[in-house]
Amino acid sequence: MRVGVIAEGFADVNVIKAILKKIAGIDGSEVRLLRPQEQLDETDLNELNFSSWQLVFESCKDEEKLSAFFEDIEGEALLIVHVDTAERGLKGFDIPEPQRTGSTDYAAYSEQVRVKVIEKLKFLLPERFHKNIAYAIAIEETDAWLIPLFENNAKDTASHTKAKETLSKLIGKDKKRQKEYTDTSKKSLNYKNLGKLFAKNLSLCRTRNKSLDLFCAEIEERKLHHLDYPCSRMKRV
């Protein structure tokens, strides 16, 4: 199976690749990035090197781009669409409910938000591709999926409203591993190395974040069952 990804950023892509490798044995080299696309050199810079939730939504509506992906691949293919929910209340995203409260059951909350976001994406995506799409819906931010690597707490990590900031602080406190998981040249986290650690501890992380577990379960189902039809049968309409 060949896999394509539309995501908000390269950090998210690294996390998704780690999941695919661990669960389905799919190497990162087999993953085709529709957005963002990697910049091969300084002359290769273009708008597809960038992404955001708005650009993810735009890519989902781009039937020409999606058709090219599915029709260029022999055999079965899967497209993974990723989006964080931290900005779901903004205009254009338009998913203000459900609201977080002091007594929120974050597992149930994560399921509810995931369903609403998938409904939004399915409205944008051409219907003929729906059966060949999986949804990496990260409640708040994908960084929440990584927090259990550095925090020993039974609470679902979707409870962190600023997951990226929380993860950075946790890594900063871990002096033994700080250098390995921080890219000092870019003043950011090293998501390639974090992805490797994440893959090794995926089972643990799944118990601490419901949205991660739901995405992993979807990939497991895709691995066990053939897709409804091979992409080579898809034709333009």
C-alpha atoms as a PDB file:
ATOM      1  CA  MET A   1       0.000   0.000   0.000  1.00  0.00           C
ATOM      2  CA  ARG A   2       1.244   3.480  -0.868  1.00  0.00           C
ATOM      3  CA  VAL A   3       0.364   6.334   1.442  1.00  0.00           C
ATOM      4  CA  GLY A   4      -0.096  10.043   0.850  1.00  0.00           C
ATOM      5  CA  VAL A   5      -0.285  12.714   3.536  1.00  0.00           C
ATOM      6  CA  ILE A   6      -1.854  16.151   3.759  1.00  0.00           C
ATOM      7  CA  ALA A   7      -0.795  17.708   7.057  1.00  0.00           C
ATOM      8  CA  GLU A   8      -0.348  21.010   8.836  1.00  0.00           C
ATOM      9  CA  GLY A   9       3.435  20.703   9.091  1.00  0.00           C
ATOM     10  CA  PHE A  10       6.563  18.566   8.866  1.00  0.00           C
ATOM     11  CA  ALA A  11       6.513  17.872  12.602  1.00  0.00           C
ATOM     12  CA  ASP A  12       3.095  16.276  12.183  1.00  0.00           C
ATOM     13  CA  VAL A  13       4.368  14.299   9.190  1.00  0.00           C
ATOM     14  CA  ASN A  14       7.213  12.829  11.258  1.00  0.00           C
ATOM     15  CA  VAL A  15       4.763  11.681  13.914  1.00  0.00           C
ATOM     16  CA  ILE A  16       2.446  10.130  11.312  1.00  0.00           C
ATOM     17  CA  LYS A  17       5.371   8.351   9.642  1.00  0.00           C
ATOM     18  CA  ALA A  18       6.372   6.859  13.001  1.00  0.00           C
ATOM     19  CA  ILE A  19       2.857   5.470  13.465  1.00  0.00           C
ATOM     20  CA  LEU A  20       2.765   4.010   9.956  1.00  0.00           C
ATOM     21  CA  LYS A  21       6.147   2.346  10.458  1.00  0.00           C
ATOM     22  CA  LYS A  22       5.221   0.855  13.817  1.00  0.00           C
ATOM     23  CA  ILE A  23       1.723  -0.369  12.970  1.00  0.00           C
ATOM     24  CA  ALA A  24       1.839  -1.151   9.260  1.00  0.00           C
ATOM     25  CA  GLY A  25       5.558  -1.516   8.515  1.00  0.00           C
ATOM     26  CA  ILE A  26       5.352   1.324   5.979  1.00  0.00           C
ATOM     27  CA  ASP A  27       8.711   3.029   5.529  1.00  0.00           C
ATOM     28  CA  GLY A  28       8.884   6.795   5.407  1.00  0.00           C
ATOM     29  CA  SER A  29      10.249   6.615   1.850  1.00  0.00           C
ATOM     30  CA  GLU A  30       6.924   5.105   0.763  1.00  0.00           C
ATOM     31  CA  VAL A  31       4.983   8.098   2.064  1.00  0.00           C
ATOM     32  CA  ARG A  32       4.187  10.797  -0.482  1.00  0.00           C
ATOM     33  CA  LEU A  33       3.667  14.300   0.855  1.00  0.00           C
ATOM     34  CA  LEU A  34       0.946  16.237  -0.942  1.00  0.00           C
ATOM     35  CA  ARG A  35       1.215  19.088   1.582  1.00  0.00           C
ATOM     36  CA  PRO A  36       3.596  20.223   2.871  1.00  0.00           C
ATOM     37  CA  GLN A  37       6.136  19.125   0.268  1.00  0.00           C
ATOM     38  CA  GLU A  38       9.816  18.912   1.161  1.00  0.00           C
ATOM     39  CA  GLN A  39      12.115  21.584  -0.210  1.00  0.00           C
ATOM     40  CA  LEU A  40      14.887  19.736  -2.063  1.00  0.00           C
ATOM     41  CA  ASP A  41      17.209  22.750  -2.279  1.00  0.00           C
ATOM     42  CA  GLU A  42      17.179  26.545  -2.100  1.00  0.00           C
ATOM     43  CA  THR A  43      15.795  26.789  -5.640  1.00  0.00           C
ATOM     44  CA  ASP A  44      12.911  24.439  -4.873  1.00  0.00           C
ATOM     45  CA  LEU A  45      10.974  26.784  -2.585  1.00  0.00           C
ATOM     46  CA  ASN A  46       7.270  27.014  -3.477  1.00  0.00           C
ATOM     47  CA  GLU A  47       3.916  27.481  -1.791  1.00  0.00           C
ATOM     48  CA  LEU A  48       3.499  23.727  -1.282  1.00  0.00           C
ATOM     49  CA  ASN A  49       6.450  23.779   1.136  1.00  0.00           C
ATOM     50  CA  PHE A  50       4.138  25.476   3.619  1.00  0.00           C
ATOM     51  CA  SER A  51       0.957  24.388   5.347  1.00  0.00           C
ATOM     52  CA  SER A  52      -1.651  25.276   7.958  1.00  0.00           C
ATOM     53  CA  TRP A  53      -5.158  24.137   8.774  1.00  0.00           C
ATOM     54  CA  GLN A  54      -6.477  26.570   6.161  1.00  0.00           C
ATOM     55  CA  LEU A  55      -4.181  25.103   3.494  1.00  0.00           C
ATOM     56  CA  VAL A  56      -5.115  21.552   4.555  1.00  0.00           C
ATOM     57  CA  PHE A  57      -8.749  22.464   3.940  1.00  0.00           C
ATOM     58  CA  GLU A  58      -7.879  23.956   0.556  1.00  0.00           C
ATOM     59  CA  SER A  59      -5.966  20.812  -0.420  1.00  0.00           C
ATOM     60  CA  CYS A  60      -8.949  18.668   0.542  1.00  0.00           C
ATOM     61  CA  LYS A  61     -11.075  20.592  -1.960  1.00  0.00           C
ATOM     62  CA  ASP A  62      -8.492  20.274  -4.739  1.00  0.00           C
ATOM     63  CA  GLU A  63      -9.974  17.406  -6.749  1.00  0.00           C
ATOM     64  CA  GLU A  64      -7.305  17.702  -9.438  1.00  0.00           C
ATOM     65  CA  LYS A  65      -4.510  17.231  -6.890  1.00  0.00           C
ATOM     66  CA  LEU A  66      -6.271  14.293  -5.226  1.00  0.00           C
ATOM     67  CA  SER A  67      -7.051  12.629  -8.548  1.00  0.00           C
ATOM     68  CA  ALA A  68      -3.423  12.923  -9.599  1.00  0.00           C
ATOM     69  CA  PHE A  69      -2.303  11.224  -6.386  1.00  0.00           C
ATOM     70  CA  PHE A  70      -4.687   8.287  -6.609  1.00  0.00           C
ATOM     71  CA  GLU A  71      -4.392   7.738 -10.351  1.00  0.00           C
ATOM     72  CA  ASP A  72      -0.579   7.907 -10.417  1.00  0.00           C
ATOM     73  CA  ILE A  73      -0.303   4.937  -8.053  1.00  0.00           C
ATOM     74  CA  GLU A  74      -0.624   1.306  -9.078  1.00  0.00           C
ATOM     75  CA  GLY A  75      -2.526  -0.859  -6.622  1.00  0.00           C
ATOM     76  CA  GLU A  76      -3.983   0.307  -3.340  1.00  0.00           C
ATOM     77  CA  ALA A  77      -3.351   3.711  -1.823  1.00  0.00           C
ATOM     78  CA  LEU A  78      -4.397   5.522   1.306  1.00  0.00           C
ATOM     79  CA  LEU A  79      -4.501   9.266   1.867  1.00  0.00           C
ATOM     80  CA  ILE A  80      -4.084  10.498   5.436  1.00  0.00           C
ATOM     81  CA  VAL A  81      -5.470  13.926   6.231  1.00  0.00           C
ATOM     82  CA  HIS A  82      -4.117  15.526   9.392  1.00  0.00           C
ATOM     83  CA  VAL A  83      -5.388  18.555  11.246  1.00  0.00           C
ATOM     84  CA  ASP A  84      -5.004  19.882  14.796  1.00  0.00           C
ATOM     85  CA  THR A  85      -8.081  21.164  16.606  1.00  0.00           C
ATOM     86  CA  ALA A  86      -6.520  23.952  18.669  1.00  0.00           C
ATOM     87  CA  GLU A  87      -7.980  26.563  16.314  1.00  0.00           C
ATOM     88  CA  ARG A  88     -11.313  24.874  15.606  1.00  0.00           C
ATOM     89  CA  GLY A  89     -13.286  27.845  16.912  1.00  0.00           C
ATOM     90  CA  LEU A  90     -11.873  30.238  14.310  1.00  0.00           C
ATOM     91  CA  LYS A  91     -13.801  31.450  11.295  1.00  0.00           C
ATOM     92  CA  GLY A  92     -13.428  28.970   8.472  1.00  0.00           C
ATOM     93  CA  PHE A  93     -12.874  26.054  10.845  1.00  0.00           C
ATOM     94  CA  ASP A  94     -16.216  26.694  12.543  1.00  0.00           C
ATOM     95  CA  ILE A  95     -16.390  23.881  15.102  1.00  0.00           C
ATOM     96  CA  PRO A  96     -16.925  25.701  18.427  1.00  0.00           C
ATOM     97  CA  GLU A  97     -18.641  22.783  20.174  1.00  0.00           C
ATOM     98  CA  PRO A  98     -18.158  20.864  22.370  1.00  0.00           C
ATOM     99  CA  GLN A  99     -16.587  23.202  24.886  1.00  0.00           C
ATOM    100  CA  ARG A 100     -14.013  22.192  27.487  1.00  0.00           C
ATOM    101  CA  THR A 101     -15.045  22.511  31.136  1.00  0.00           C
ATOM    102  CA  GLY A 102     -13.449  21.751  34.469  1.00  0.00           C
ATOM    103  CA  SER A 103     -15.168  18.376  34.538  1.00  0.00           C
ATOM    104  CA  THR A 104     -14.500  17.364  30.919  1.00  0.00           C
ATOM    105  CA  ASP A 105     -14.111  13.652  30.214  1.00  0.00           C
ATOM    106  CA  TYR A 106     -11.284  14.047  27.713  1.00  0.00           C
ATOM    107  CA  ALA A 107     -11.670  10.619  26.138  1.00  0.00           C
ATOM    108  CA  ALA A 108     -15.324  11.295  25.326  1.00  0.00           C
ATOM    109  CA  TYR A 109     -14.528  14.902  24.392  1.00  0.00           C
ATOM    110  CA  SER A 110     -11.823  13.726  21.975  1.00  0.00           C
ATOM    111  CA  GLU A 111     -14.214  11.323  20.273  1.00  0.00           C
ATOM    112  CA  GLN A 112     -16.869  14.029  19.906  1.00  0.00           C
ATOM    113  CA  VAL A 113     -14.462  16.585  18.454  1.00  0.00           C
ATOM    114  CA  ARG A 114     -12.928  14.002  16.106  1.00  0.00           C
ATOM    115  CA  VAL A 115     -16.350  13.104  14.698  1.00  0.00           C
ATOM    116  CA  LYS A 116     -17.163  16.760  14.021  1.00  0.00           C
ATOM    117  CA  VAL A 117     -13.811  17.449  12.342  1.00  0.00           C
ATOM    118  CA  ILE A 118     -14.122  14.367  10.139  1.00  0.00           C
ATOM    119  CA  GLU A 119     -17.601  15.520   9.121  1.00  0.00           C
ATOM    120  CA  LYS A 120     -16.075  18.871   8.146  1.00  0.00           C
ATOM    121  CA  LEU A 121     -13.307  17.220   6.113  1.00  0.00           C
ATOM    122  CA  LYS A 122     -15.718  14.859   4.363  1.00  0.00           C
ATOM    123  CA  PHE A 123     -17.779  17.867   3.326  1.00  0.00           C
ATOM    124  CA  LEU A 124     -14.644  19.321   1.688  1.00  0.00           C
ATOM    125  CA  LEU A 125     -13.264  16.097   0.186  1.00  0.00           C
ATOM    126  CA  PRO A 126     -14.713  14.699  -3.059  1.00  0.00           C
ATOM    127  CA  GLU A 127     -17.024  11.836  -2.092  1.00  0.00           C
ATOM    128  CA  ARG A 128     -15.444   9.347  -4.489  1.00  0.00           C
ATOM    129  CA  PHE A 129     -12.240   9.373  -2.403  1.00  0.00           C
ATOM    130  CA  HIS A 130     -13.823   8.983   1.045  1.00  0.00           C
ATOM    131  CA  LYS A 131     -13.273   5.217   1.268  1.00  0.00           C
ATOM    132  CA  ASN A 132      -9.532   5.663   0.738  1.00  0.00           C
ATOM    133  CA  ILE A 133      -8.930   8.343   3.358  1.00  0.00           C
ATOM    134  CA  ALA A 134      -7.881   8.046   7.009  1.00  0.00           C
ATOM    135  CA  TYR A 135      -8.059  10.904   9.492  1.00  0.00           C
ATOM    136  CA  ALA A 136      -5.266  11.954  11.848  1.00  0.00           C
ATOM    137  CA  ILE A 137      -7.277  14.325  14.024  1.00  0.00           C
ATOM    138  CA  ALA A 138      -5.070  15.571  16.847  1.00  0.00           C
ATOM    139  CA  ILE A 139      -7.117  17.037  19.674  1.00  0.00           C
ATOM    140  CA  GLU A 140      -5.458  20.376  20.445  1.00  0.00           C
ATOM    141  CA  GLU A 141      -2.066  19.585  18.829  1.00  0.00           C
ATOM    142  CA  THR A 142      -0.099  16.558  17.618  1.00  0.00           C
ATOM    143  CA  ASP A 143       2.434  17.366  20.346  1.00  0.00           C
ATOM    144  CA  ALA A 144      -0.148  16.070  22.836  1.00  0.00           C
ATOM    145  CA  TRP A 145       0.447  12.593  21.388  1.00  0.00           C
ATOM    146  CA  LEU A 146       4.125  12.878  22.423  1.00  0.00           C
ATOM    147  CA  ILE A 147       3.655  14.258  25.945  1.00  0.00           C
ATOM    148  CA  PRO A 148       3.373  10.780  27.576  1.00  0.00           C
ATOM    149  CA  LEU A 149       7.012  10.186  26.594  1.00  0.00           C
ATOM    150  CA  PHE A 150       8.052  12.756  29.184  1.00  0.00           C
ATOM    151  CA  GLU A 151       5.128  13.040  31.605  1.00  0.00           C
ATOM    152  CA  ASN A 152       3.883  10.322  33.931  1.00  0.00           C
ATOM    153  CA  ASN A 153       0.266  11.263  34.467  1.00  0.00           C
ATOM    154  CA  ALA A 154      -2.907   9.229  34.067  1.00  0.00           C
ATOM    155  CA  LYS A 155      -4.913  12.128  32.603  1.00  0.00           C
ATOM    156  CA  ASP A 156      -5.561  12.207  28.861  1.00  0.00           C
ATOM    157  CA  THR A 157      -3.010  14.605  27.359  1.00  0.00           C
ATOM    158  CA  ALA A 158      -5.737  16.359  25.358  1.00  0.00           C
ATOM    159  CA  SER A 159      -6.249  18.216  28.632  1.00  0.00           C
ATOM    160  CA  HIS A 160      -3.190  20.349  27.739  1.00  0.00           C
ATOM    161  CA  THR A 161      -4.436  23.434  25.890  1.00  0.00           C
ATOM    162  CA  LYS A 162      -0.879  24.384  24.863  1.00  0.00           C
ATOM    163  CA  ALA A 163       0.551  20.973  24.046  1.00  0.00           C
ATOM    164  CA  LYS A 164       3.575  22.190  22.062  1.00  0.00           C
ATOM    165  CA  GLU A 165       4.601  24.534  24.854  1.00  0.00           C
ATOM    166  CA  THR A 166       4.065  21.808  27.456  1.00  0.00           C
ATOM    167  CA  LEU A 167       6.131  19.281  25.505  1.00  0.00           C
ATOM    168  CA  SER A 168       8.982  21.777  25.051  1.00  0.00           C
ATOM    169  CA  LYS A 169       9.033  22.509  28.784  1.00  0.00           C
ATOM    170  CA  LEU A 170       9.037  18.821  29.687  1.00  0.00           C
ATOM    171  CA  ILE A 171      11.946  18.121  27.351  1.00  0.00           C
ATOM    172  CA  GLY A 172      13.782  21.161  28.702  1.00  0.00           C
ATOM    173  CA  LYS A 173      13.573  19.710  32.206  1.00  0.00           C
ATOM    174  CA  ASP A 174      15.020  16.371  31.063  1.00  0.00           C
ATOM    175  CA  LYS A 175      18.697  17.353  30.916  1.00  0.00           C
ATOM    176  CA  LYS A 176      19.819  13.840  29.932  1.00  0.00           C
ATOM    177  CA  ARG A 177      17.675  13.794  26.791  1.00  0.00           C
ATOM    178  CA  GLN A 178      17.275  17.493  26.020  1.00  0.00           C
ATOM    179  CA  LYS A 179      20.075  17.587  23.431  1.00  0.00           C
ATOM    180  CA  GLU A 180      18.770  14.536  21.566  1.00  0.00           C
ATOM    181  CA  TYR A 181      15.257  15.910  21.175  1.00  0.00           C
ATOM    182  CA  THR A 182      16.041  19.571  20.531  1.00  0.00           C
ATOM    183  CA  ASP A 183      17.242  20.978  17.231  1.00  0.00           C
ATOM    184  CA  THR A 184      19.351  23.901  18.435  1.00  0.00           C
ATOM    185  CA  SER A 185      20.077  25.117  14.890  1.00  0.00           C
ATOM    186  CA  LYS A 186      16.367  25.699  14.289  1.00  0.00           C
ATOM    187  CA  LYS A 187      15.500  26.486  17.909  1.00  0.00           C
ATOM    188  CA  SER A 188      12.768  23.868  17.852  1.00  0.00           C
ATOM    189  CA  LEU A 189      12.129  20.277  18.834  1.00  0.00           C
ATOM    190  CA  ASN A 190      13.759  17.480  16.844  1.00  0.00           C
ATOM    191  CA  TYR A 191      10.679  15.642  15.621  1.00  0.00           C
ATOM    192  CA  LYS A 192      12.640  13.034  13.674  1.00  0.00           C
ATOM    193  CA  ASN A 193      14.286  11.817  16.863  1.00  0.00           C
ATOM    194  CA  LEU A 194      11.052  12.235  18.794  1.00  0.00           C
ATOM    195  CA  GLY A 195       9.335  10.099  16.157  1.00  0.00           C
ATOM    196  CA  LYS A 196      11.756   7.252  16.769  1.00  0.00           C
ATOM    197  CA  LEU A 197      11.161   7.394  20.533  1.00  0.00           C
ATOM    198  CA  PHE A 198       7.434   7.701  19.935  1.00  0.00           C
ATOM    199  CA  ALA A 199       7.348   4.567  17.756  1.00  0.00           C
ATOM    200  CA  LYS A 200       9.089   2.563  20.479  1.00  0.00           C
ATOM    201  CA  ASN A 201       6.551   3.704  23.060  1.00  0.00           C
ATOM    202  CA  LEU A 202       3.430   3.931  20.912  1.00  0.00           C
ATOM    203  CA  SER A 203       1.418   1.508  23.057  1.00  0.00           C
ATOM    204  CA  LEU A 204       2.010   3.660  26.141  1.00  0.00           C
ATOM    205  CA  CYS A 205       1.132   6.882  24.327  1.00  0.00           C
ATOM    206  CA  ARG A 206      -2.103   5.374  23.021  1.00  0.00           C
ATOM    207  CA  THR A 207      -3.294   4.746  26.574  1.00  0.00           C
ATOM    208  CA  ARG A 208      -2.807   8.421  27.372  1.00  0.00           C
ATOM    209  CA  ASN A 209      -4.433  10.080  24.383  1.00  0.00           C
ATOM    210  CA  LYS A 210      -7.760   8.996  22.915  1.00  0.00           C
ATOM    211  CA  SER A 211      -7.406  10.834  19.609  1.00  0.00           C
ATOM    212  CA  LEU A 212      -4.078   9.084  19.000  1.00  0.00           C
ATOM    213  CA  ASP A 213      -5.614   5.726  19.843  1.00  0.00           C
ATOM    214  CA  LEU A 214      -8.516   6.309  17.442  1.00  0.00           C
ATOM    215  CA  PHE A 215      -6.177   7.188  14.584  1.00  0.00           C
ATOM    216  CA  CYS A 216      -3.963   4.162  15.296  1.00  0.00           C
ATOM    217  CA  ALA A 217      -7.035   1.911  15.372  1.00  0.00           C
ATOM    218  CA  GLU A 218      -8.032   3.248  11.957  1.00  0.00           C
ATOM    219  CA  ILE A 219      -4.581   2.436  10.549  1.00  0.00           C
ATOM    220  CA  GLU A 220      -4.744  -1.045  12.085  1.00  0.00           C
ATOM    221  CA  GLU A 221      -8.097  -1.616  10.404  1.00  0.00           C
ATOM    222  CA  ARG A 222      -6.715  -0.469   7.057  1.00  0.00           C
ATOM    223  CA  LYS A 223      -3.781  -2.837   7.512  1.00  0.00           C
ATOM    224  CA  LEU A 224      -5.995  -5.835   8.247  1.00  0.00           C
ATOM    225  CA  HIS A 225      -8.587  -5.209   5.557  1.00  0.00           C
ATOM    226  CA  HIS A 226      -8.099  -4.364   1.912  1.00  0.00           C
ATOM    227  CA  LEU A 227      -9.389  -0.991   0.815  1.00  0.00           C
ATOM    228  CA  ASP A 228     -12.720  -1.124  -0.972  1.00  0.00           C
ATOM    229  CA  TYR A 229     -11.166  -0.746  -4.383  1.00  0.00           C
ATOM    230  CA  PRO A 230      -7.666  -0.278  -5.806  1.00  0.00           C
ATOM    231  CA  CYS A 231      -6.716   3.182  -6.954  1.00  0.00           C
ATOM    232  CA  SER A 232      -5.965   1.933 -10.456  1.00  0.00           C
ATOM    233  CA  ARG A 233      -9.726   1.567 -10.896  1.00  0.00           C
ATOM    234  CA  MET A 234     -10.425   5.196 -10.025  1.00  0.00           C
ATOM    235  CA  LYS A 235     -11.341   7.233 -13.056  1.00  0.00           C
ATOM    236  CA  ARG A 236     -11.985  10.903 -13.469  1.00  0.00           C
ATOM    237  CA  VAL A 237     -15.636  11.837 -13.532  1.00  0.00           C
END
